[in-house]
């Protein structure tokens, strides 16, 4: 291994000393990142619904989409055609409603089909701007939707903020996802971010005839990983087509009070997040 490769410990040794960054984040009470070991597990769905549900409960919430290469948050809230403006105190996040505002590189693209072809330093610079130059104002929660993995973006967020209040780790029951999520749990431990708990997404399908859960991708692995790492399973979310349709139609913030099993479990997950940061 090359001696030029830095360990997470050395990358995180510098705490946020930039006065502007520290000042800009001072009004944020709780900073929570949502992460996953691999893509396609529904991490952004969890991030979007967490932010929307907290906002619906009366909290002031900001949602930062730090997935530079695959931003989806603007689409989930139906604001992909809007552009941030510059105010007296910096870049103004795009408002979704009175309690929720979002920021994403997806809001800066000329087209949804435009690729972001950036190397690590450019991505780190963009994330620093999102934290330092976006006028987040006073928030109860800043939810940070991370891209999958344990690379530039999670490291940049952890290094720049320095005092994250917790991480929610999202996975699916498949062994291939669990192999990656265990790395995410180790990553959180290495950067000293407390793990609020794990969310098992796509845990199965509820049979429309007998209401029994069919575990399409197996079961038990998430509980085992949680036990091994001493963390909680915050909830197991079934596969529901209505949830996917809500995200695709840009109505996450409008449809968060569904009566299905998914929304029932998700509200319990949000309860656990609230309790953790008290």
C-alpha atoms as a PDB file:
ATOM      1  CA  UNK A   1       0.000   0.000   0.000  1.00  0.00           C
ATOM      2  CA  UNK A   2       1.312   3.419  -0.877  1.00  0.00           C
ATOM      3  CA  UNK A   3       2.630   5.464   2.016  1.00  0.00           C
ATOM      4  CA  UNK A   4       0.804   8.483   0.530  1.00  0.00           C
ATOM      5  CA  UNK A   5      -2.595   7.055   1.413  1.00  0.00           C
ATOM      6  CA  UNK A   6      -3.973   8.707   4.543  1.00  0.00           C
ATOM      7  CA  UNK A   7      -5.927   6.909   7.212  1.00  0.00           C
ATOM      8  CA  UNK A   8      -9.371   8.167   8.313  1.00  0.00           C
ATOM      9  CA  UNK A   9      -7.817   9.174  11.640  1.00  0.00           C
ATOM     10  CA  UNK A  10      -5.297  11.486   9.962  1.00  0.00           C
ATOM     11  CA  UNK A  11      -7.884  12.896   7.572  1.00  0.00           C
ATOM     12  CA  UNK A  12     -10.112  13.783  10.506  1.00  0.00           C
ATOM     13  CA  UNK A  13      -7.387  15.167  12.729  1.00  0.00           C
ATOM     14  CA  UNK A  14      -8.187  18.717  11.631  1.00  0.00           C
ATOM     15  CA  UNK A  15     -11.345  20.015  13.266  1.00  0.00           C
ATOM     16  CA  UNK A  16     -13.354  22.814  11.643  1.00  0.00           C
ATOM     17  CA  UNK A  17     -11.268  25.889  12.417  1.00  0.00           C
ATOM     18  CA  UNK A  18     -12.578  28.125   9.622  1.00  0.00           C
ATOM     19  CA  UNK A  19     -14.450  30.921  11.434  1.00  0.00           C
ATOM     20  CA  UNK A  20     -16.951  31.290   8.587  1.00  0.00           C
ATOM     21  CA  UNK A  21     -17.887  27.602   8.581  1.00  0.00           C
ATOM     22  CA  UNK A  22     -18.212  27.425  12.357  1.00  0.00           C
ATOM     23  CA  UNK A  23     -20.297  30.587  12.420  1.00  0.00           C
ATOM     24  CA  UNK A  24     -22.550  29.370   9.621  1.00  0.00           C
ATOM     25  CA  UNK A  25     -23.355  26.103  11.403  1.00  0.00           C
ATOM     26  CA  UNK A  26     -23.763  27.605  14.857  1.00  0.00           C
ATOM     27  CA  UNK A  27     -27.533  27.907  14.518  1.00  0.00           C
ATOM     28  CA  UNK A  28     -27.999  24.185  13.808  1.00  0.00           C
ATOM     29  CA  UNK A  29     -28.957  22.162  16.866  1.00  0.00           C
ATOM     30  CA  UNK A  30     -28.662  18.594  15.540  1.00  0.00           C
ATOM     31  CA  UNK A  31     -26.591  17.385  12.587  1.00  0.00           C
ATOM     32  CA  UNK A  32     -27.397  13.841  11.452  1.00  0.00           C
ATOM     33  CA  UNK A  33     -25.975  11.948   8.498  1.00  0.00           C
ATOM     34  CA  UNK A  34     -27.780   9.120   6.711  1.00  0.00           C
ATOM     35  CA  UNK A  35     -25.376   6.641   5.174  1.00  0.00           C
ATOM     36  CA  UNK A  36     -25.171   3.216   3.563  1.00  0.00           C
ATOM     37  CA  UNK A  37     -22.463   0.808   2.541  1.00  0.00           C
ATOM     38  CA  UNK A  38     -23.746   0.411  -1.001  1.00  0.00           C
ATOM     39  CA  UNK A  39     -26.149   2.002  -3.422  1.00  0.00           C
ATOM     40  CA  UNK A  40     -29.709   0.996  -4.141  1.00  0.00           C
ATOM     41  CA  UNK A  41     -30.765   0.354  -0.549  1.00  0.00           C
ATOM     42  CA  UNK A  42     -33.138   3.317  -0.234  1.00  0.00           C
ATOM     43  CA  UNK A  43     -30.897   5.663   1.710  1.00  0.00           C
ATOM     44  CA  UNK A  44     -32.213   8.802   0.031  1.00  0.00           C
ATOM     45  CA  UNK A  45     -35.781   7.621   0.624  1.00  0.00           C
ATOM     46  CA  UNK A  46     -34.987   7.359   4.331  1.00  0.00           C
ATOM     47  CA  UNK A  47     -33.254  10.776   4.324  1.00  0.00           C
ATOM     48  CA  UNK A  48     -36.123  12.493   2.529  1.00  0.00           C
ATOM     49  CA  UNK A  49     -38.843  10.971   4.700  1.00  0.00           C
ATOM     50  CA  UNK A  50     -36.862  11.633   7.889  1.00  0.00           C
ATOM     51  CA  UNK A  51     -36.518  15.308   6.989  1.00  0.00           C
ATOM     52  CA  UNK A  52     -40.142  15.611   5.864  1.00  0.00           C
ATOM     53  CA  UNK A  53     -41.534  13.883   8.962  1.00  0.00           C
ATOM     54  CA  UNK A  54     -39.461  15.992  11.354  1.00  0.00           C
ATOM     55  CA  UNK A  55     -40.631  19.125   9.521  1.00  0.00           C
ATOM     56  CA  UNK A  56     -44.233  17.941   9.778  1.00  0.00           C
ATOM     57  CA  UNK A  57     -43.743  17.583  13.523  1.00  0.00           C
ATOM     58  CA  UNK A  58     -42.950  21.279  13.727  1.00  0.00           C
ATOM     59  CA  UNK A  59     -39.151  21.253  13.620  1.00  0.00           C
ATOM     60  CA  UNK A  60     -37.111  23.557  11.389  1.00  0.00           C
ATOM     61  CA  UNK A  61     -35.213  21.191   9.095  1.00  0.00           C
ATOM     62  CA  UNK A  62     -32.548  21.491   6.422  1.00  0.00           C
ATOM     63  CA  UNK A  63     -31.745  18.622   4.062  1.00  0.00           C
ATOM     64  CA  UNK A  64     -28.333  18.570   2.397  1.00  0.00           C
ATOM     65  CA  UNK A  65     -28.003  16.219  -0.558  1.00  0.00           C
ATOM     66  CA  UNK A  66     -24.254  15.524  -0.595  1.00  0.00           C
ATOM     67  CA  UNK A  67     -24.474  12.870  -3.291  1.00  0.00           C
ATOM     68  CA  UNK A  68     -22.554  14.781  -5.942  1.00  0.00           C
ATOM     69  CA  UNK A  69     -22.796  12.213  -8.731  1.00  0.00           C
ATOM     70  CA  UNK A  70     -26.344  10.972  -8.182  1.00  0.00           C
ATOM     71  CA  UNK A  71     -28.453  13.704  -6.552  1.00  0.00           C
ATOM     72  CA  UNK A  72     -32.090  12.627  -6.154  1.00  0.00           C
ATOM     73  CA  UNK A  73     -33.436  14.805  -3.343  1.00  0.00           C
ATOM     74  CA  UNK A  74     -34.733  17.607  -5.642  1.00  0.00           C
ATOM     75  CA  UNK A  75     -36.784  15.066  -7.602  1.00  0.00           C
ATOM     76  CA  UNK A  76     -38.251  13.548  -4.431  1.00  0.00           C
ATOM     77  CA  UNK A  77     -39.586  16.943  -3.362  1.00  0.00           C
ATOM     78  CA  UNK A  78     -40.587  18.182  -6.810  1.00  0.00           C
ATOM     79  CA  UNK A  79     -38.181  21.144  -6.769  1.00  0.00           C
ATOM     80  CA  UNK A  80     -35.750  19.994  -9.469  1.00  0.00           C
ATOM     81  CA  UNK A  81     -36.645  22.936 -11.712  1.00  0.00           C
ATOM     82  CA  UNK A  82     -35.879  25.559  -9.085  1.00  0.00           C
ATOM     83  CA  UNK A  83     -32.584  27.396  -8.595  1.00  0.00           C
ATOM     84  CA  UNK A  84     -31.093  28.693  -5.321  1.00  0.00           C
ATOM     85  CA  UNK A  85     -30.684  32.444  -5.093  1.00  0.00           C
ATOM     86  CA  UNK A  86     -28.008  34.451  -3.319  1.00  0.00           C
ATOM     87  CA  UNK A  87     -29.133  36.504  -0.337  1.00  0.00           C
ATOM     88  CA  UNK A  88     -27.397  38.806   2.109  1.00  0.00           C
ATOM     89  CA  UNK A  89     -26.051  35.892   4.149  1.00  0.00           C
ATOM     90  CA  UNK A  90     -25.156  33.506   1.361  1.00  0.00           C
ATOM     91  CA  UNK A  91     -26.842  30.971  -0.909  1.00  0.00           C
ATOM     92  CA  UNK A  92     -30.471  30.488   0.053  1.00  0.00           C
ATOM     93  CA  UNK A  93     -31.603  26.833   0.133  1.00  0.00           C
ATOM     94  CA  UNK A  94     -34.710  26.002  -1.869  1.00  0.00           C
ATOM     95  CA  UNK A  95     -37.782  25.934   0.394  1.00  0.00           C
ATOM     96  CA  UNK A  96     -40.083  22.912   0.261  1.00  0.00           C
ATOM     97  CA  UNK A  97     -42.487  24.280   2.874  1.00  0.00           C
ATOM     98  CA  UNK A  98     -42.361  26.573   5.896  1.00  0.00           C
ATOM     99  CA  UNK A  99     -40.302  24.100   7.952  1.00  0.00           C
ATOM    100  CA  UNK A 100     -38.151  22.379   5.331  1.00  0.00           C
ATOM    101  CA  UNK A 101     -35.472  23.584   2.915  1.00  0.00           C
ATOM    102  CA  UNK A 102     -33.071  21.641   0.731  1.00  0.00           C
ATOM    103  CA  UNK A 103     -29.757  22.093  -1.027  1.00  0.00           C
ATOM    104  CA  UNK A 104     -28.300  19.838  -3.707  1.00  0.00           C
ATOM    105  CA  UNK A 105     -25.900  20.018  -6.617  1.00  0.00           C
ATOM    106  CA  UNK A 106     -28.898  18.757  -8.601  1.00  0.00           C
ATOM    107  CA  UNK A 107     -30.418  22.233  -8.199  1.00  0.00           C
ATOM    108  CA  UNK A 108     -27.441  23.758 -10.023  1.00  0.00           C
ATOM    109  CA  UNK A 109     -27.422  21.584 -13.148  1.00  0.00           C
ATOM    110  CA  UNK A 110     -28.647  22.780 -16.535  1.00  0.00           C
ATOM    111  CA  UNK A 111     -30.264  19.396 -17.130  1.00  0.00           C
ATOM    112  CA  UNK A 112     -31.171  16.357 -15.050  1.00  0.00           C
ATOM    113  CA  UNK A 113     -29.123  14.359 -17.563  1.00  0.00           C
ATOM    114  CA  UNK A 114     -25.940  16.398 -17.003  1.00  0.00           C
ATOM    115  CA  UNK A 115     -23.194  14.268 -15.427  1.00  0.00           C
ATOM    116  CA  UNK A 116     -20.861  15.583 -12.725  1.00  0.00           C
ATOM    117  CA  UNK A 117     -17.344  14.561 -13.737  1.00  0.00           C
ATOM    118  CA  UNK A 118     -15.309  15.672 -10.729  1.00  0.00           C
ATOM    119  CA  UNK A 119     -12.364  14.237  -8.871  1.00  0.00           C
ATOM    120  CA  UNK A 120     -12.094  14.167  -5.081  1.00  0.00           C
ATOM    121  CA  UNK A 121     -10.793  17.728  -4.456  1.00  0.00           C
ATOM    122  CA  UNK A 122     -13.605  19.270  -6.497  1.00  0.00           C
ATOM    123  CA  UNK A 123     -16.224  17.254  -4.598  1.00  0.00           C
ATOM    124  CA  UNK A 124     -14.709  18.220  -1.260  1.00  0.00           C
ATOM    125  CA  UNK A 125     -14.711  21.884  -2.281  1.00  0.00           C
ATOM    126  CA  UNK A 126     -18.391  21.709  -3.241  1.00  0.00           C
ATOM    127  CA  UNK A 127     -19.328  20.096   0.071  1.00  0.00           C
ATOM    128  CA  UNK A 128     -17.411  22.773   1.955  1.00  0.00           C
ATOM    129  CA  UNK A 129     -19.371  25.422   0.069  1.00  0.00           C
ATOM    130  CA  UNK A 130     -22.652  23.701   0.941  1.00  0.00           C
ATOM    131  CA  UNK A 131     -21.734  23.895   4.617  1.00  0.00           C
ATOM    132  CA  UNK A 132     -19.973  27.259   4.643  1.00  0.00           C
ATOM    133  CA  UNK A 133     -21.759  29.414   2.074  1.00  0.00           C
ATOM    134  CA  UNK A 134     -25.344  28.144   2.213  1.00  0.00           C
ATOM    135  CA  UNK A 135     -27.477  30.240   4.559  1.00  0.00           C
ATOM    136  CA  UNK A 136     -28.939  27.427   6.674  1.00  0.00           C
ATOM    137  CA  UNK A 137     -29.990  29.833   9.412  1.00  0.00           C
ATOM    138  CA  UNK A 138     -31.464  28.437  12.622  1.00  0.00           C
ATOM    139  CA  UNK A 139     -32.391  24.750  12.387  1.00  0.00           C
ATOM    140  CA  UNK A 140     -33.471  22.031  14.761  1.00  0.00           C
ATOM    141  CA  UNK A 141     -32.080  19.405  12.373  1.00  0.00           C
ATOM    142  CA  UNK A 142     -29.711  19.296   9.434  1.00  0.00           C
ATOM    143  CA  UNK A 143     -30.133  15.930   7.719  1.00  0.00           C
ATOM    144  CA  UNK A 144     -27.224  15.026   5.444  1.00  0.00           C
ATOM    145  CA  UNK A 145     -27.942  12.491   2.728  1.00  0.00           C
ATOM    146  CA  UNK A 146     -24.605  10.849   1.920  1.00  0.00           C
ATOM    147  CA  UNK A 147     -23.692   8.869  -1.180  1.00  0.00           C
ATOM    148  CA  UNK A 148     -22.988   5.165  -0.659  1.00  0.00           C
ATOM    149  CA  UNK A 149     -19.623   4.053   0.641  1.00  0.00           C
ATOM    150  CA  UNK A 150     -16.959   5.498   2.921  1.00  0.00           C
ATOM    151  CA  UNK A 151     -15.052   7.791   0.578  1.00  0.00           C
ATOM    152  CA  UNK A 152     -14.598  11.496  -0.083  1.00  0.00           C
ATOM    153  CA  UNK A 153     -18.042  12.794   0.781  1.00  0.00           C
ATOM    154  CA  UNK A 154     -18.534  11.142   4.200  1.00  0.00           C
ATOM    155  CA  UNK A 155     -14.966  11.978   5.181  1.00  0.00           C
ATOM    156  CA  UNK A 156     -15.381  15.592   4.089  1.00  0.00           C
ATOM    157  CA  UNK A 157     -18.631  15.992   6.011  1.00  0.00           C
ATOM    158  CA  UNK A 158     -17.156  14.472   9.172  1.00  0.00           C
ATOM    159  CA  UNK A 159     -13.946  16.492   8.945  1.00  0.00           C
ATOM    160  CA  UNK A 160     -15.608  19.820   8.243  1.00  0.00           C
ATOM    161  CA  UNK A 161     -18.464  19.594  10.743  1.00  0.00           C
ATOM    162  CA  UNK A 162     -16.425  17.855  13.413  1.00  0.00           C
ATOM    163  CA  UNK A 163     -19.314  17.369  15.851  1.00  0.00           C
ATOM    164  CA  UNK A 164     -21.952  15.268  14.126  1.00  0.00           C
ATOM    165  CA  UNK A 165     -24.715  14.245  16.485  1.00  0.00           C
ATOM    166  CA  UNK A 166     -25.377  10.857  14.969  1.00  0.00           C
ATOM    167  CA  UNK A 167     -25.636   8.570  11.964  1.00  0.00           C
ATOM    168  CA  UNK A 168     -28.500   6.477  10.649  1.00  0.00           C
ATOM    169  CA  UNK A 169     -27.212   3.488   8.665  1.00  0.00           C
ATOM    170  CA  UNK A 170     -29.509   2.057   5.979  1.00  0.00           C
ATOM    171  CA  UNK A 171     -29.262  -1.443   4.560  1.00  0.00           C
ATOM    172  CA  UNK A 172     -31.278  -4.212   2.940  1.00  0.00           C
ATOM    173  CA  UNK A 173     -31.334  -7.843   4.130  1.00  0.00           C
ATOM    174  CA  UNK A 174     -29.140  -9.287   1.356  1.00  0.00           C
ATOM    175  CA  UNK A 175     -25.724 -10.590   2.352  1.00  0.00           C
ATOM    176  CA  UNK A 176     -24.029  -8.389  -0.264  1.00  0.00           C
ATOM    177  CA  UNK A 177     -25.559  -5.277   1.318  1.00  0.00           C
ATOM    178  CA  UNK A 178     -24.722  -6.419   4.838  1.00  0.00           C
ATOM    179  CA  UNK A 179     -21.077  -6.944   3.911  1.00  0.00           C
ATOM    180  CA  UNK A 180     -20.914  -3.282   2.938  1.00  0.00           C
ATOM    181  CA  UNK A 181     -22.977  -1.979   5.829  1.00  0.00           C
ATOM    182  CA  UNK A 182     -20.623  -3.547   8.344  1.00  0.00           C
ATOM    183  CA  UNK A 183     -17.897  -1.401   6.787  1.00  0.00           C
ATOM    184  CA  UNK A 184     -20.123   1.653   7.275  1.00  0.00           C
ATOM    185  CA  UNK A 185     -20.587   0.798  10.947  1.00  0.00           C
ATOM    186  CA  UNK A 186     -16.824   0.457  11.365  1.00  0.00           C
ATOM    187  CA  UNK A 187     -16.368   3.740   9.511  1.00  0.00           C
ATOM    188  CA  UNK A 188     -18.721   5.547  11.890  1.00  0.00           C
ATOM    189  CA  UNK A 189     -16.811   4.135  14.850  1.00  0.00           C
ATOM    190  CA  UNK A 190     -13.470   5.201  13.372  1.00  0.00           C
ATOM    191  CA  UNK A 191     -14.608   8.795  12.833  1.00  0.00           C
ATOM    192  CA  UNK A 192     -16.286   8.827  16.272  1.00  0.00           C
ATOM    193  CA  UNK A 193     -19.813   9.536  15.069  1.00  0.00           C
ATOM    194  CA  UNK A 194     -22.418   7.875  17.304  1.00  0.00           C
ATOM    195  CA  UNK A 195     -24.653   5.445  15.431  1.00  0.00           C
ATOM    196  CA  UNK A 196     -28.304   6.163  16.200  1.00  0.00           C
ATOM    197  CA  UNK A 197     -29.218   2.820  14.707  1.00  0.00           C
ATOM    198  CA  UNK A 198     -29.785   0.758  11.586  1.00  0.00           C
ATOM    199  CA  UNK A 199     -32.768   0.829   9.265  1.00  0.00           C
ATOM    200  CA  UNK A 200     -33.563  -2.391   7.434  1.00  0.00           C
ATOM    201  CA  UNK A 201     -35.211  -1.313   4.208  1.00  0.00           C
ATOM    202  CA  UNK A 202     -36.984  -3.608   1.729  1.00  0.00           C
ATOM    203  CA  UNK A 203     -37.276  -6.223   4.465  1.00  0.00           C
ATOM    204  CA  UNK A 204     -39.978  -8.085   2.562  1.00  0.00           C
ATOM    205  CA  UNK A 205     -43.360  -7.929   0.872  1.00  0.00           C
ATOM    206  CA  UNK A 206     -46.647  -8.102   2.745  1.00  0.00           C
ATOM    207  CA  UNK A 207     -48.854 -10.707   1.061  1.00  0.00           C
ATOM    208  CA  UNK A 208     -52.094  -9.032  -0.125  1.00  0.00           C
ATOM    209  CA  UNK A 209     -54.060 -12.213   0.607  1.00  0.00           C
ATOM    210  CA  UNK A 210     -52.876 -13.316   4.052  1.00  0.00           C
ATOM    211  CA  UNK A 211     -51.033 -10.193   5.333  1.00  0.00           C
ATOM    212  CA  UNK A 212     -47.969 -12.311   6.145  1.00  0.00           C
ATOM    213  CA  UNK A 213     -44.492 -10.910   5.465  1.00  0.00           C
ATOM    214  CA  UNK A 214     -42.608 -12.651   2.664  1.00  0.00           C
ATOM    215  CA  UNK A 215     -38.861 -12.221   3.203  1.00  0.00           C
ATOM    216  CA  UNK A 216     -37.753 -12.081  -0.410  1.00  0.00           C
ATOM    217  CA  UNK A 217     -34.146 -11.240   0.458  1.00  0.00           C
ATOM    218  CA  UNK A 218     -33.804 -13.382   3.577  1.00  0.00           C
ATOM    219  CA  UNK A 219     -33.861 -12.289   7.202  1.00  0.00           C
ATOM    220  CA  UNK A 220     -31.794 -12.207  10.366  1.00  0.00           C
ATOM    221  CA  UNK A 221     -28.608 -10.696   8.966  1.00  0.00           C
ATOM    222  CA  UNK A 222     -29.376  -7.118   9.978  1.00  0.00           C
ATOM    223  CA  UNK A 223     -30.173  -8.116  13.555  1.00  0.00           C
ATOM    224  CA  UNK A 224     -26.905 -10.067  13.679  1.00  0.00           C
ATOM    225  CA  UNK A 225     -24.886  -7.084  12.416  1.00  0.00           C
ATOM    226  CA  UNK A 226     -26.589  -4.792  14.929  1.00  0.00           C
ATOM    227  CA  UNK A 227     -25.799  -7.221  17.731  1.00  0.00           C
ATOM    228  CA  UNK A 228     -22.160  -7.533  16.623  1.00  0.00           C
ATOM    229  CA  UNK A 229     -21.688  -3.755  16.638  1.00  0.00           C
ATOM    230  CA  UNK A 230     -23.827  -2.994  19.676  1.00  0.00           C
ATOM    231  CA  UNK A 231     -26.350  -0.800  17.851  1.00  0.00           C
ATOM    232  CA  UNK A 232     -30.127  -0.813  17.555  1.00  0.00           C
ATOM    233  CA  UNK A 233     -32.329  -1.771  14.624  1.00  0.00           C
ATOM    234  CA  UNK A 234     -34.592   1.260  14.466  1.00  0.00           C
ATOM    235  CA  UNK A 235     -37.121  -0.399  12.194  1.00  0.00           C
ATOM    236  CA  UNK A 236     -37.714  -2.848   9.365  1.00  0.00           C
ATOM    237  CA  UNK A 237     -39.465  -1.271   6.386  1.00  0.00           C
ATOM    238  CA  UNK A 238     -41.395  -3.476   3.954  1.00  0.00           C
ATOM    239  CA  UNK A 239     -41.459  -2.968   0.191  1.00  0.00           C
ATOM    240  CA  UNK A 240     -44.447  -0.811  -0.743  1.00  0.00           C
ATOM    241  CA  UNK A 241     -45.089   0.447  -4.249  1.00  0.00           C
ATOM    242  CA  UNK A 242     -46.891   3.558  -2.993  1.00  0.00           C
ATOM    243  CA  UNK A 243     -43.738   4.746  -1.223  1.00  0.00           C
ATOM    244  CA  UNK A 244     -41.707   4.480  -4.425  1.00  0.00           C
ATOM    245  CA  UNK A 245     -44.442   6.246  -6.373  1.00  0.00           C
ATOM    246  CA  UNK A 246     -44.470   9.109  -3.867  1.00  0.00           C
ATOM    247  CA  UNK A 247     -40.729   9.657  -4.290  1.00  0.00           C
ATOM    248  CA  UNK A 248     -40.925   9.494  -8.080  1.00  0.00           C
ATOM    249  CA  UNK A 249     -43.770  12.006  -8.181  1.00  0.00           C
ATOM    250  CA  UNK A 250     -41.987  14.535  -5.946  1.00  0.00           C
ATOM    251  CA  UNK A 251     -44.546  14.343  -3.149  1.00  0.00           C
ATOM    252  CA  UNK A 252     -42.576  12.975  -0.199  1.00  0.00           C
ATOM    253  CA  UNK A 253     -43.538  15.975   1.947  1.00  0.00           C
ATOM    254  CA  UNK A 254     -47.219  15.641   1.013  1.00  0.00           C
ATOM    255  CA  UNK A 255     -47.682  11.922   1.607  1.00  0.00           C
ATOM    256  CA  UNK A 256     -45.899  11.329   4.909  1.00  0.00           C
ATOM    257  CA  UNK A 257     -49.052  10.488   6.865  1.00  0.00           C
ATOM    258  CA  UNK A 258     -49.932   7.280   5.117  1.00  0.00           C
ATOM    259  CA  UNK A 259     -51.710   4.533   7.038  1.00  0.00           C
ATOM    260  CA  UNK A 260     -49.678   1.624   5.704  1.00  0.00           C
ATOM    261  CA  UNK A 261     -47.226  -0.534   7.626  1.00  0.00           C
ATOM    262  CA  UNK A 262     -44.303   1.351   6.042  1.00  0.00           C
ATOM    263  CA  UNK A 263     -45.402   4.710   7.438  1.00  0.00           C
ATOM    264  CA  UNK A 264     -46.245   3.207  10.817  1.00  0.00           C
ATOM    265  CA  UNK A 265     -42.749   1.753  11.159  1.00  0.00           C
ATOM    266  CA  UNK A 266     -41.124   4.893   9.771  1.00  0.00           C
ATOM    267  CA  UNK A 267     -42.763   7.077  12.399  1.00  0.00           C
ATOM    268  CA  UNK A 268     -41.280   4.784  15.040  1.00  0.00           C
ATOM    269  CA  UNK A 269     -37.875   5.327  13.429  1.00  0.00           C
ATOM    270  CA  UNK A 270     -38.318   9.090  13.645  1.00  0.00           C
ATOM    271  CA  UNK A 271     -39.400   8.724  17.290  1.00  0.00           C
ATOM    272  CA  UNK A 272     -36.108   6.922  17.983  1.00  0.00           C
ATOM    273  CA  UNK A 273     -34.078   9.671  16.283  1.00  0.00           C
ATOM    274  CA  UNK A 274     -35.849  12.338  18.339  1.00  0.00           C
ATOM    275  CA  UNK A 275     -35.209  10.400  21.540  1.00  0.00           C
ATOM    276  CA  UNK A 276     -31.538   9.854  20.704  1.00  0.00           C
ATOM    277  CA  UNK A 277     -30.679  13.554  20.328  1.00  0.00           C
ATOM    278  CA  UNK A 278     -32.630  14.772  23.379  1.00  0.00           C
END
